[in-house]
Amino acid sequence: DVTPVWFMRQAGRYMAEYRELRKKYTLLEICKTPEL
C-alpha cells in the first residue's frame, strides 16, 4: 500500500531509552545478554 521503512542503527544512541541502559551496561554486555 505504501513504501515500507526501517533504518540502519535504528536502535541505538539517538534514543533516550538506550542511553539510559548504557549507563548500566556496556555495549558488549547488552549484546551478550539476550533479554537486553
PDB file of all heavy atoms in Angstrom:
ATOM      1  N   ASP A   1       0.823  -1.210   0.000  1.00  0.00           N
ATOM      2  CA  ASP A   1       0.000   0.000   0.000  1.00  0.00           C
ATOM      3  C   ASP A   1       0.858   1.263   0.000  1.00  0.00           C
ATOM      4  O   ASP A   1       0.624   2.210  -0.742  1.00  0.00           O
ATOM      5  CB  ASP A   1      -0.963  -0.014   1.192  1.00  0.00           C
ATOM      6  CG  ASP A   1      -0.249  -0.218   2.525  1.00  0.00           C
ATOM      7  OD1 ASP A   1       0.917  -0.675   2.529  1.00  0.00           O
ATOM      8  OD2 ASP A   1      -0.874   0.057   3.572  1.00  0.00           O
ATOM      9  N   VAL A   2       1.874   1.267   0.868  1.00  0.00           N
ATOM     10  CA  VAL A   2       2.842   2.367   0.924  1.00  0.00           C
ATOM     11  C   VAL A   2       4.234   1.753   0.987  1.00  0.00           C
ATOM     12  O   VAL A   2       4.386   0.535   1.117  1.00  0.00           O
ATOM     13  CB  VAL A   2       2.595   3.289   2.146  1.00  0.00           C
ATOM     14  CG1 VAL A   2       1.234   3.957   2.061  1.00  0.00           C
ATOM     15  CG2 VAL A   2       2.743   2.515   3.453  1.00  0.00           C
ATOM     16  N   THR A   3       5.233   2.577   0.905  1.00  0.00           N
ATOM     17  CA  THR A   3       6.616   2.097   0.939  1.00  0.00           C
ATOM     18  C   THR A   3       7.010   1.740   2.371  1.00  0.00           C
ATOM     19  O   THR A   3       6.859   2.561   3.277  1.00  0.00           O
ATOM     20  CB  THR A   3       7.569   3.185   0.401  1.00  0.00           C
ATOM     21  OG1 THR A   3       7.166   3.547  -0.914  1.00  0.00           O
ATOM     22  CG2 THR A   3       9.003   2.682   0.382  1.00  0.00           C
ATOM     23  N   PRO A   4       7.511   0.533   2.590  1.00  0.00           N
ATOM     24  CA  PRO A   4       7.970   0.187   3.946  1.00  0.00           C
ATOM     25  C   PRO A   4       9.255   0.928   4.294  1.00  0.00           C
ATOM     26  O   PRO A   4      10.042   1.298   3.405  1.00  0.00           O
ATOM     27  CB  PRO A   4       8.209  -1.322   3.867  1.00  0.00           C
ATOM     28  CG  PRO A   4       8.493  -1.581   2.423  1.00  0.00           C
ATOM     29  CD  PRO A   4       7.679  -0.583   1.651  1.00  0.00           C
ATOM     30  N   VAL A   5       9.478   1.116   5.580  1.00  0.00           N
ATOM     31  CA  VAL A   5      10.647   1.862   6.019  1.00  0.00           C
ATOM     32  C   VAL A   5      11.223   1.250   7.290  1.00  0.00           C
ATOM     33  O   VAL A   5      10.492   0.859   8.203  1.00  0.00           O
ATOM     34  CB  VAL A   5      10.302   3.365   6.240  1.00  0.00           C
ATOM     35  CG1 VAL A   5       9.125   3.530   7.173  1.00  0.00           C
ATOM     36  CG2 VAL A   5      11.498   4.145   6.746  1.00  0.00           C
ATOM     37  N   TRP A   6      12.520   1.120   7.323  1.00  0.00           N
ATOM     38  CA  TRP A   6      13.266   0.884   8.563  1.00  0.00           C
ATOM     39  C   TRP A   6      14.601   1.578   8.380  1.00  0.00           C
ATOM     40  O   TRP A   6      14.961   1.979   7.270  1.00  0.00           O
ATOM     41  CB  TRP A   6      13.426  -0.612   8.875  1.00  0.00           C
ATOM     42  CG  TRP A   6      14.368  -1.368   7.983  1.00  0.00           C
ATOM     43  CD1 TRP A   6      14.103  -1.885   6.744  1.00  0.00           C
ATOM     44  CD2 TRP A   6      15.738  -1.711   8.269  1.00  0.00           C
ATOM     45  NE1 TRP A   6      15.216  -2.511   6.230  1.00  0.00           N
ATOM     46  CE2 TRP A   6      16.232  -2.430   7.145  1.00  0.00           C
ATOM     47  CE3 TRP A   6      16.584  -1.476   9.349  1.00  0.00           C
ATOM     48  CZ2 TRP A   6      17.538  -2.911   7.077  1.00  0.00           C
ATOM     49  CZ3 TRP A   6      17.889  -1.965   9.290  1.00  0.00           C
ATOM     50  CH2 TRP A   6      18.353  -2.681   8.168  1.00  0.00           C
ATOM     51  N   PHE A   7      15.356   1.752   9.471  1.00  0.00           N
ATOM     52  CA  PHE A   7      16.604   2.497   9.398  1.00  0.00           C
ATOM     53  C   PHE A   7      17.745   1.676   9.996  1.00  0.00           C
ATOM     54  O   PHE A   7      17.602   1.110  11.084  1.00  0.00           O
ATOM     55  CB  PHE A   7      16.510   3.818  10.174  1.00  0.00           C
ATOM     56  CG  PHE A   7      15.590   4.829   9.546  1.00  0.00           C
ATOM     57  CD1 PHE A   7      14.837   5.675  10.346  1.00  0.00           C
ATOM     58  CD2 PHE A   7      15.475   4.949   8.175  1.00  0.00           C
ATOM     59  CE1 PHE A   7      13.994   6.626   9.783  1.00  0.00           C
ATOM     60  CE2 PHE A   7      14.639   5.886   7.600  1.00  0.00           C
ATOM     61  CZ  PHE A   7      13.893   6.724   8.400  1.00  0.00           C
ATOM     62  N   MET A   8      18.863   1.660   9.289  1.00  0.00           N
ATOM     63  CA  MET A   8      20.049   1.050   9.871  1.00  0.00           C
ATOM     64  C   MET A   8      20.461   1.824  11.126  1.00  0.00           C
ATOM     65  O   MET A   8      20.374   3.043  11.166  1.00  0.00           O
ATOM     66  CB  MET A   8      21.184   1.027   8.842  1.00  0.00           C
ATOM     67  CG  MET A   8      20.918  -0.003   7.737  1.00  0.00           C
ATOM     68  SD  MET A   8      22.164  -0.020   6.430  1.00  0.00           S
ATOM     69  CE  MET A   8      21.595   1.349   5.408  1.00  0.00           C
ATOM     70  N   ARG A   9      20.868   1.073  12.160  1.00  0.00           N
ATOM     71  CA  ARG A   9      21.148   1.601  13.501  1.00  0.00           C
ATOM     72  C   ARG A   9      19.912   2.270  14.095  1.00  0.00           C
ATOM     73  O   ARG A   9      20.036   3.258  14.835  1.00  0.00           O
ATOM     74  CB  ARG A   9      22.319   2.587  13.489  1.00  0.00           C
ATOM     75  CG  ARG A   9      23.656   1.955  13.129  1.00  0.00           C
ATOM     76  CD  ARG A   9      24.800   2.904  13.436  1.00  0.00           C
ATOM     77  NE  ARG A   9      26.025   2.465  12.764  1.00  0.00           N
ATOM     78  CZ  ARG A   9      26.860   3.272  12.123  1.00  0.00           C
ATOM     79  NH1 ARG A   9      26.606   4.564  12.042  1.00  0.00           N
ATOM     80  NH2 ARG A   9      27.937   2.803  11.561  1.00  0.00           N
ATOM     81  N   GLN A  10      18.733   1.733  13.798  1.00  0.00           N
ATOM     82  CA  GLN A  10      17.523   2.347  14.336  1.00  0.00           C
ATOM     83  C   GLN A  10      17.417   2.161  15.846  1.00  0.00           C
ATOM     84  O   GLN A  10      16.704   2.918  16.512  1.00  0.00           O
ATOM     85  CB  GLN A  10      16.283   1.801  13.636  1.00  0.00           C
ATOM     86  CG  GLN A  10      15.992   0.326  13.839  1.00  0.00           C
ATOM     87  CD  GLN A  10      14.819  -0.143  12.978  1.00  0.00           C
ATOM     88  OE1 GLN A  10      14.491   0.456  11.964  1.00  0.00           O
ATOM     89  NE2 GLN A  10      14.176  -1.226  13.382  1.00  0.00           N
ATOM     90  N   ALA A  11      18.103   1.177  16.389  1.00  0.00           N
ATOM     91  CA  ALA A  11      18.220   1.040  17.843  1.00  0.00           C
ATOM     92  C   ALA A  11      19.608   1.519  18.236  1.00  0.00           C
ATOM     93  O   ALA A  11      20.602   1.018  17.721  1.00  0.00           O
ATOM     94  CB  ALA A  11      18.019  -0.414  18.261  1.00  0.00           C
ATOM     95  N   GLY A  12      19.676   2.505  19.132  1.00  0.00           N
ATOM     96  CA  GLY A  12      20.998   2.990  19.494  1.00  0.00           C
ATOM     97  C   GLY A  12      20.991   4.328  20.189  1.00  0.00           C
ATOM     98  O   GLY A  12      19.976   4.752  20.753  1.00  0.00           O
ATOM     99  N   ARG A  13      22.117   5.014  20.095  1.00  0.00           N
ATOM    100  CA  ARG A  13      22.402   6.133  20.995  1.00  0.00           C
ATOM    101  C   ARG A  13      21.558   7.376  20.764  1.00  0.00           C
ATOM    102  O   ARG A  13      21.553   8.271  21.611  1.00  0.00           O
ATOM    103  CB  ARG A  13      23.881   6.510  20.881  1.00  0.00           C
ATOM    104  CG  ARG A  13      24.810   5.489  21.513  1.00  0.00           C
ATOM    105  CD  ARG A  13      26.251   5.871  21.307  1.00  0.00           C
ATOM    106  NE  ARG A  13      26.644   5.736  19.907  1.00  0.00           N
ATOM    107  CZ  ARG A  13      27.811   6.149  19.424  1.00  0.00           C
ATOM    108  NH1 ARG A  13      28.680   6.750  20.224  1.00  0.00           N
ATOM    109  NH2 ARG A  13      28.113   5.977  18.155  1.00  0.00           N
ATOM    110  N   TYR A  14      20.840   7.483  19.661  1.00  0.00           N
ATOM    111  CA  TYR A  14      19.988   8.658  19.471  1.00  0.00           C
ATOM    112  C   TYR A  14      18.734   8.580  20.333  1.00  0.00           C
ATOM    113  O   TYR A  14      18.031   9.567  20.504  1.00  0.00           O
ATOM    114  CB  TYR A  14      19.614   8.824  17.989  1.00  0.00           C
ATOM    115  CG  TYR A  14      18.554   7.874  17.498  1.00  0.00           C
ATOM    116  CD1 TYR A  14      17.244   8.310  17.299  1.00  0.00           C
ATOM    117  CD2 TYR A  14      18.847   6.539  17.257  1.00  0.00           C
ATOM    118  CE1 TYR A  14      16.260   7.436  16.861  1.00  0.00           C
ATOM    119  CE2 TYR A  14      17.873   5.667  16.812  1.00  0.00           C
ATOM    120  CZ  TYR A  14      16.581   6.115  16.617  1.00  0.00           C
ATOM    121  OH  TYR A  14      15.613   5.241  16.191  1.00  0.00           O
ATOM    122  N   MET A  15      18.456   7.384  20.908  1.00  0.00           N
ATOM    123  CA  MET A  15      17.255   7.182  21.714  1.00  0.00           C
ATOM    124  C   MET A  15      17.578   7.296  23.208  1.00  0.00           C
ATOM    125  O   MET A  15      18.524   6.661  23.700  1.00  0.00           O
ATOM    126  CB  MET A  15      16.629   5.821  21.419  1.00  0.00           C
ATOM    127  CG  MET A  15      16.224   5.621  19.958  1.00  0.00           C
ATOM    128  SD  MET A  15      15.073   4.257  19.769  1.00  0.00           S
ATOM    129  CE  MET A  15      13.574   5.012  20.420  1.00  0.00           C
ATOM    130  N   ALA A  16      16.758   8.060  23.931  1.00  0.00           N
ATOM    131  CA  ALA A  16      16.998   8.262  25.366  1.00  0.00           C
ATOM    132  C   ALA A  16      16.928   6.939  26.127  1.00  0.00           C
ATOM    133  O   ALA A  16      17.692   6.720  27.072  1.00  0.00           O
ATOM    134  CB  ALA A  16      15.980   9.250  25.932  1.00  0.00           C
ATOM    135  N   GLU A  17      16.021   6.045  25.722  1.00  0.00           N
ATOM    136  CA  GLU A  17      15.883   4.758  26.412  1.00  0.00           C
ATOM    137  C   GLU A  17      17.179   3.951  26.333  1.00  0.00           C
ATOM    138  O   GLU A  17      17.585   3.292  27.297  1.00  0.00           O
ATOM    139  CB  GLU A  17      14.748   3.926  25.800  1.00  0.00           C
ATOM    140  CG  GLU A  17      13.404   4.626  25.724  1.00  0.00           C
ATOM    141  CD  GLU A  17      13.142   5.243  24.373  1.00  0.00           C
ATOM    142  OE1 GLU A  17      13.951   6.083  23.934  1.00  0.00           O
ATOM    143  OE2 GLU A  17      12.124   4.863  23.750  1.00  0.00           O
ATOM    144  N   TYR A  18      17.799   4.009  25.169  1.00  0.00           N
ATOM    145  CA  TYR A  18      19.048   3.268  25.000  1.00  0.00           C
ATOM    146  C   TYR A  18      20.166   3.896  25.838  1.00  0.00           C
ATOM    147  O   TYR A  18      20.946   3.186  26.481  1.00  0.00           O
ATOM    148  CB  TYR A  18      19.447   3.243  23.529  1.00  0.00           C
ATOM    149  CG  TYR A  18      20.773   2.540  23.293  1.00  0.00           C
ATOM    150  CD1 TYR A  18      20.856   1.152  23.303  1.00  0.00           C
ATOM    151  CD2 TYR A  18      21.944   3.271  23.082  1.00  0.00           C
ATOM    152  CE1 TYR A  18      22.063   0.505  23.099  1.00  0.00           C
ATOM    153  CE2 TYR A  18      23.151   2.634  22.876  1.00  0.00           C
ATOM    154  CZ  TYR A  18      23.207   1.252  22.887  1.00  0.00           C
ATOM    155  OH  TYR A  18      24.403   0.612  22.698  1.00  0.00           O
ATOM    156  N   ARG A  19      20.240   5.204  25.851  1.00  0.00           N
ATOM    157  CA  ARG A  19      21.291   5.873  26.633  1.00  0.00           C
ATOM    158  C   ARG A  19      21.153   5.553  28.121  1.00  0.00           C
ATOM    159  O   ARG A  19      22.157   5.416  28.828  1.00  0.00           O
ATOM    160  CB  ARG A  19      21.253   7.382  26.397  1.00  0.00           C
ATOM    161  CG  ARG A  19      21.631   7.786  24.969  1.00  0.00           C
ATOM    162  CD  ARG A  19      21.943   9.272  24.875  1.00  0.00           C
ATOM    163  NE  ARG A  19      20.784  10.100  25.209  1.00  0.00           N
ATOM    164  CZ  ARG A  19      19.876  10.520  24.328  1.00  0.00           C
ATOM    165  NH1 ARG A  19      19.979  10.155  23.053  1.00  0.00           N
ATOM    166  NH2 ARG A  19      18.867  11.291  24.713  1.00  0.00           N
ATOM    167  N   GLU A  20      19.923   5.419  28.586  1.00  0.00           N
ATOM    168  CA  GLU A  20      19.715   5.036  29.988  1.00  0.00           C
ATOM    169  C   GLU A  20      20.273   3.644  30.261  1.00  0.00           C
ATOM    170  O   GLU A  20      20.896   3.405  31.299  1.00  0.00           O
ATOM    171  CB  GLU A  20      18.223   5.106  30.342  1.00  0.00           C
ATOM    172  CG  GLU A  20      17.697   6.517  30.516  1.00  0.00           C
ATOM    173  CD  GLU A  20      18.416   7.280  31.611  1.00  0.00           C
ATOM    174  OE1 GLU A  20      18.562   6.740  32.729  1.00  0.00           O
ATOM    175  OE2 GLU A  20      18.874   8.415  31.347  1.00  0.00           O
ATOM    176  N   LEU A  21      20.026   2.716  29.340  1.00  0.00           N
ATOM    177  CA  LEU A  21      20.560   1.361  29.508  1.00  0.00           C
ATOM    178  C   LEU A  21      22.084   1.370  29.504  1.00  0.00           C
ATOM    179  O   LEU A  21      22.722   0.631  30.265  1.00  0.00           O
ATOM    180  CB  LEU A  21      20.060   0.452  28.395  1.00  0.00           C
ATOM    181  CG  LEU A  21      18.807  -0.392  28.638  1.00  0.00           C
ATOM    182  CD1 LEU A  21      18.568  -1.320  27.454  1.00  0.00           C
ATOM    183  CD2 LEU A  21      18.923  -1.204  29.916  1.00  0.00           C
ATOM    184  N   ARG A  22      22.676   2.215  28.647  1.00  0.00           N
ATOM    185  CA  ARG A  22      24.125   2.240  28.542  1.00  0.00           C
ATOM    186  C   ARG A  22      24.789   2.809  29.796  1.00  0.00           C
ATOM    187  O   ARG A  22      26.000   2.636  29.990  1.00  0.00           O
ATOM    188  CB  ARG A  22      24.553   3.031  27.303  1.00  0.00           C
ATOM    189  CG  ARG A  22      24.405   2.272  25.995  1.00  0.00           C
ATOM    190  CD  ARG A  22      25.273   1.006  25.945  1.00  0.00           C
ATOM    191  NE  ARG A  22      26.652   1.287  26.232  1.00  0.00           N
ATOM    192  CZ  ARG A  22      27.541   1.692  25.325  1.00  0.00           C
ATOM    193  NH1 ARG A  22      27.170   1.835  24.075  1.00  0.00           N
ATOM    194  NH2 ARG A  22      28.778   1.918  25.672  1.00  0.00           N
ATOM    195  N   LYS A  23      24.016   3.482  30.642  1.00  0.00           N
ATOM    196  CA  LYS A  23      24.573   3.925  31.922  1.00  0.00           C
ATOM    197  C   LYS A  23      24.827   2.739  32.850  1.00  0.00           C
ATOM    198  O   LYS A  23      25.652   2.816  33.760  1.00  0.00           O
ATOM    199  CB  LYS A  23      23.630   4.920  32.598  1.00  0.00           C
ATOM    200  CG  LYS A  23      23.517   6.254  31.880  1.00  0.00           C
ATOM    201  CD  LYS A  23      22.490   7.151  32.563  1.00  0.00           C
ATOM    202  CE  LYS A  23      22.330   8.484  31.834  1.00  0.00           C
ATOM    203  NZ  LYS A  23      21.296   9.338  32.453  1.00  0.00           N
ATOM    204  N   LYS A  24      24.125   1.637  32.592  1.00  0.00           N
ATOM    205  CA  LYS A  24      24.233   0.445  33.436  1.00  0.00           C
ATOM    206  C   LYS A  24      25.061  -0.663  32.803  1.00  0.00           C
ATOM    207  O   LYS A  24      25.644  -1.494  33.514  1.00  0.00           O
ATOM    208  CB  LYS A  24      22.839  -0.100  33.746  1.00  0.00           C
ATOM    209  CG  LYS A  24      21.892   0.887  34.387  1.00  0.00           C
ATOM    210  CD  LYS A  24      20.501   0.264  34.522  1.00  0.00           C
ATOM    211  CE  LYS A  24      19.484   1.264  35.027  1.00  0.00           C
ATOM    212  NZ  LYS A  24      18.107   0.692  35.071  1.00  0.00           N
ATOM    213  N   TYR A  25      25.075  -0.721  31.480  1.00  0.00           N
ATOM    214  CA  TYR A  25      25.696  -1.849  30.787  1.00  0.00           C
ATOM    215  C   TYR A  25      26.581  -1.355  29.644  1.00  0.00           C
ATOM    216  O   TYR A  25      26.286  -0.342  29.011  1.00  0.00           O
ATOM    217  CB  TYR A  25      24.629  -2.790  30.194  1.00  0.00           C
ATOM    218  CG  TYR A  25      23.605  -3.266  31.177  1.00  0.00           C
ATOM    219  CD1 TYR A  25      22.340  -2.673  31.223  1.00  0.00           C
ATOM    220  CD2 TYR A  25      23.881  -4.309  32.060  1.00  0.00           C
ATOM    221  CE1 TYR A  25      21.383  -3.120  32.121  1.00  0.00           C
ATOM    222  CE2 TYR A  25      22.929  -4.751  32.964  1.00  0.00           C
ATOM    223  CZ  TYR A  25      21.674  -4.145  32.999  1.00  0.00           C
ATOM    224  OH  TYR A  25      20.732  -4.582  33.888  1.00  0.00           O
ATOM    225  N   THR A  26      27.645  -2.102  29.365  1.00  0.00           N
ATOM    226  CA  THR A  26      28.461  -1.819  28.192  1.00  0.00           C
ATOM    227  C   THR A  26      27.746  -2.348  26.948  1.00  0.00           C
ATOM    228  O   THR A  26      26.799  -3.141  27.032  1.00  0.00           O
ATOM    229  CB  THR A  26      29.833  -2.484  28.292  1.00  0.00           C
ATOM    230  OG1 THR A  26      29.663  -3.909  28.238  1.00  0.00           O
ATOM    231  CG2 THR A  26      30.539  -2.107  29.581  1.00  0.00           C
ATOM    232  N   LEU A  27      28.240  -1.928  25.791  1.00  0.00           N
ATOM    233  CA  LEU A  27      27.677  -2.420  24.537  1.00  0.00           C
ATOM    234  C   LEU A  27      27.777  -3.939  24.457  1.00  0.00           C
ATOM    235  O   LEU A  27      26.817  -4.624  24.089  1.00  0.00           O
ATOM    236  CB  LEU A  27      28.410  -1.780  23.354  1.00  0.00           C
ATOM    237  CG  LEU A  27      28.066  -2.316  21.965  1.00  0.00           C
ATOM    238  CD1 LEU A  27      26.593  -2.149  21.646  1.00  0.00           C
ATOM    239  CD2 LEU A  27      28.923  -1.636  20.904  1.00  0.00           C
ATOM    240  N   LEU A  28      28.934  -4.482  24.808  1.00  0.00           N
ATOM    241  CA  LEU A  28      29.097  -5.932  24.725  1.00  0.00           C
ATOM    242  C   LEU A  28      28.205  -6.654  25.728  1.00  0.00           C
ATOM    243  O   LEU A  28      27.706  -7.750  25.433  1.00  0.00           O
ATOM    244  CB  LEU A  28      30.566  -6.309  24.941  1.00  0.00           C
ATOM    245  CG  LEU A  28      31.505  -6.005  23.769  1.00  0.00           C
ATOM    246  CD1 LEU A  28      32.948  -6.346  24.131  1.00  0.00           C
ATOM    247  CD2 LEU A  28      31.072  -6.769  22.524  1.00  0.00           C
ATOM    248  N   GLU A  29      27.995  -6.066  26.906  1.00  0.00           N
ATOM    249  CA  GLU A  29      27.091  -6.695  27.878  1.00  0.00           C
ATOM    250  C   GLU A  29      25.670  -6.764  27.336  1.00  0.00           C
ATOM    251  O   GLU A  29      24.972  -7.765  27.523  1.00  0.00           O
ATOM    252  CB  GLU A  29      27.123  -5.930  29.200  1.00  0.00           C
ATOM    253  CG  GLU A  29      28.386  -6.171  30.014  1.00  0.00           C
ATOM    254  CD  GLU A  29      28.478  -5.254  31.221  1.00  0.00           C
ATOM    255  OE1 GLU A  29      27.868  -4.162  31.227  1.00  0.00           O
ATOM    256  OE2 GLU A  29      29.190  -5.630  32.174  1.00  0.00           O
ATOM    257  N   ILE A  30      25.236  -5.714  26.645  1.00  0.00           N
ATOM    258  CA  ILE A  30      23.900  -5.740  26.045  1.00  0.00           C
ATOM    259  C   ILE A  30      23.837  -6.804  24.960  1.00  0.00           C
ATOM    260  O   ILE A  30      22.888  -7.596  24.889  1.00  0.00           O
ATOM    261  CB  ILE A  30      23.531  -4.359  25.480  1.00  0.00           C
ATOM    262  CG1 ILE A  30      23.403  -3.345  26.622  1.00  0.00           C
ATOM    263  CG2 ILE A  30      22.225  -4.426  24.686  1.00  0.00           C
ATOM    264  CD1 ILE A  30      23.186  -1.917  26.161  1.00  0.00           C
ATOM    265  N   CYS A  31      24.867  -6.849  24.099  1.00  0.00           N
ATOM    266  CA  CYS A  31      24.879  -7.834  23.022  1.00  0.00           C
ATOM    267  C   CYS A  31      24.875  -9.266  23.555  1.00  0.00           C
ATOM    268  O   CYS A  31      24.268 -10.158  22.942  1.00  0.00           O
ATOM    269  CB  CYS A  31      26.111  -7.636  22.142  1.00  0.00           C
ATOM    270  SG  CYS A  31      26.099  -6.138  21.128  1.00  0.00           S
ATOM    271  N   LYS A  32      25.551  -9.492  24.675  1.00  0.00           N
ATOM    272  CA  LYS A  32      25.709 -10.849  25.188  1.00  0.00           C
ATOM    273  C   LYS A  32      24.617 -11.265  26.164  1.00  0.00           C
ATOM    274  O   LYS A  32      24.652 -12.375  26.697  1.00  0.00           O
ATOM    275  CB  LYS A  32      27.087 -10.988  25.859  1.00  0.00           C
ATOM    276  CG  LYS A  32      28.236 -10.898  24.867  1.00  0.00           C
ATOM    277  CD  LYS A  32      29.584 -11.120  25.542  1.00  0.00           C
ATOM    278  CE  LYS A  32      30.714 -11.117  24.519  1.00  0.00           C
ATOM    279  NZ  LYS A  32      32.037 -11.411  25.139  1.00  0.00           N
ATOM    280  N   THR A  33      23.647 -10.373  26.397  1.00  0.00           N
ATOM    281  CA  THR A  33      22.519 -10.690  27.289  1.00  0.00           C
ATOM    282  C   THR A  33      21.247 -10.659  26.462  1.00  0.00           C
ATOM    283  O   THR A  33      20.752  -9.573  26.123  1.00  0.00           O
ATOM    284  CB  THR A  33      22.435  -9.676  28.443  1.00  0.00           C
ATOM    285  OG1 THR A  33      23.702  -9.567  29.084  1.00  0.00           O
ATOM    286  CG2 THR A  33      21.369 -10.099  29.448  1.00  0.00           C
ATOM    287  N   PRO A  34      20.707 -11.812  26.082  1.00  0.00           N
ATOM    288  CA  PRO A  34      19.570 -11.841  25.159  1.00  0.00           C
ATOM    289  C   PRO A  34      18.392 -10.981  25.583  1.00  0.00           C
ATOM    290  O   PRO A  34      17.743 -10.340  24.745  1.00  0.00           O
ATOM    291  CB  PRO A  34      19.205 -13.324  25.092  1.00  0.00           C
ATOM    292  CG  PRO A  34      20.506 -14.030  25.341  1.00  0.00           C
ATOM    293  CD  PRO A  34      21.214 -13.180  26.363  1.00  0.00           C
ATOM    294  N   GLU A  35      18.111 -10.919  26.890  1.00  0.00           N
ATOM    295  CA  GLU A  35      16.977 -10.123  27.344  1.00  0.00           C
ATOM    296  C   GLU A  35      17.207  -8.627  27.096  1.00  0.00           C
ATOM    297  O   GLU A  35      16.271  -7.886  26.775  1.00  0.00           O
ATOM    298  CB  GLU A  35      16.717 -10.380  28.833  1.00  0.00           C
ATOM    299  CG  GLU A  35      16.245 -11.785  29.152  1.00  0.00           C
ATOM    300  CD  GLU A  35      17.359 -12.828  29.151  1.00  0.00           C
ATOM    301  OE1 GLU A  35      18.560 -12.425  29.094  1.00  0.00           O
ATOM    302  OE2 GLU A  35      17.061 -14.034  29.180  1.00  0.00           O
ATOM    303  N   LEU A  36      18.459  -8.181  27.243  1.00  0.00           N
ATOM    304  CA  LEU A  36      18.772  -6.778  26.966  1.00  0.00           C
ATOM    305  C   LEU A  36      18.766  -6.501  25.465  1.00  0.00           C
ATOM    306  O   LEU A  36      18.292  -5.444  25.021  1.00  0.00           O
ATOM    307  CB  LEU A  36      20.129  -6.412  27.566  1.00  0.00           C
ATOM    308  CG  LEU A  36      20.221  -6.425  29.087  1.00  0.00           C
ATOM    309  CD1 LEU A  36      21.647  -6.137  29.540  1.00  0.00           C
ATOM    310  CD2 LEU A  36      19.260  -5.411  29.703  1.00  0.00           C
TER     311      LEU A  36
END
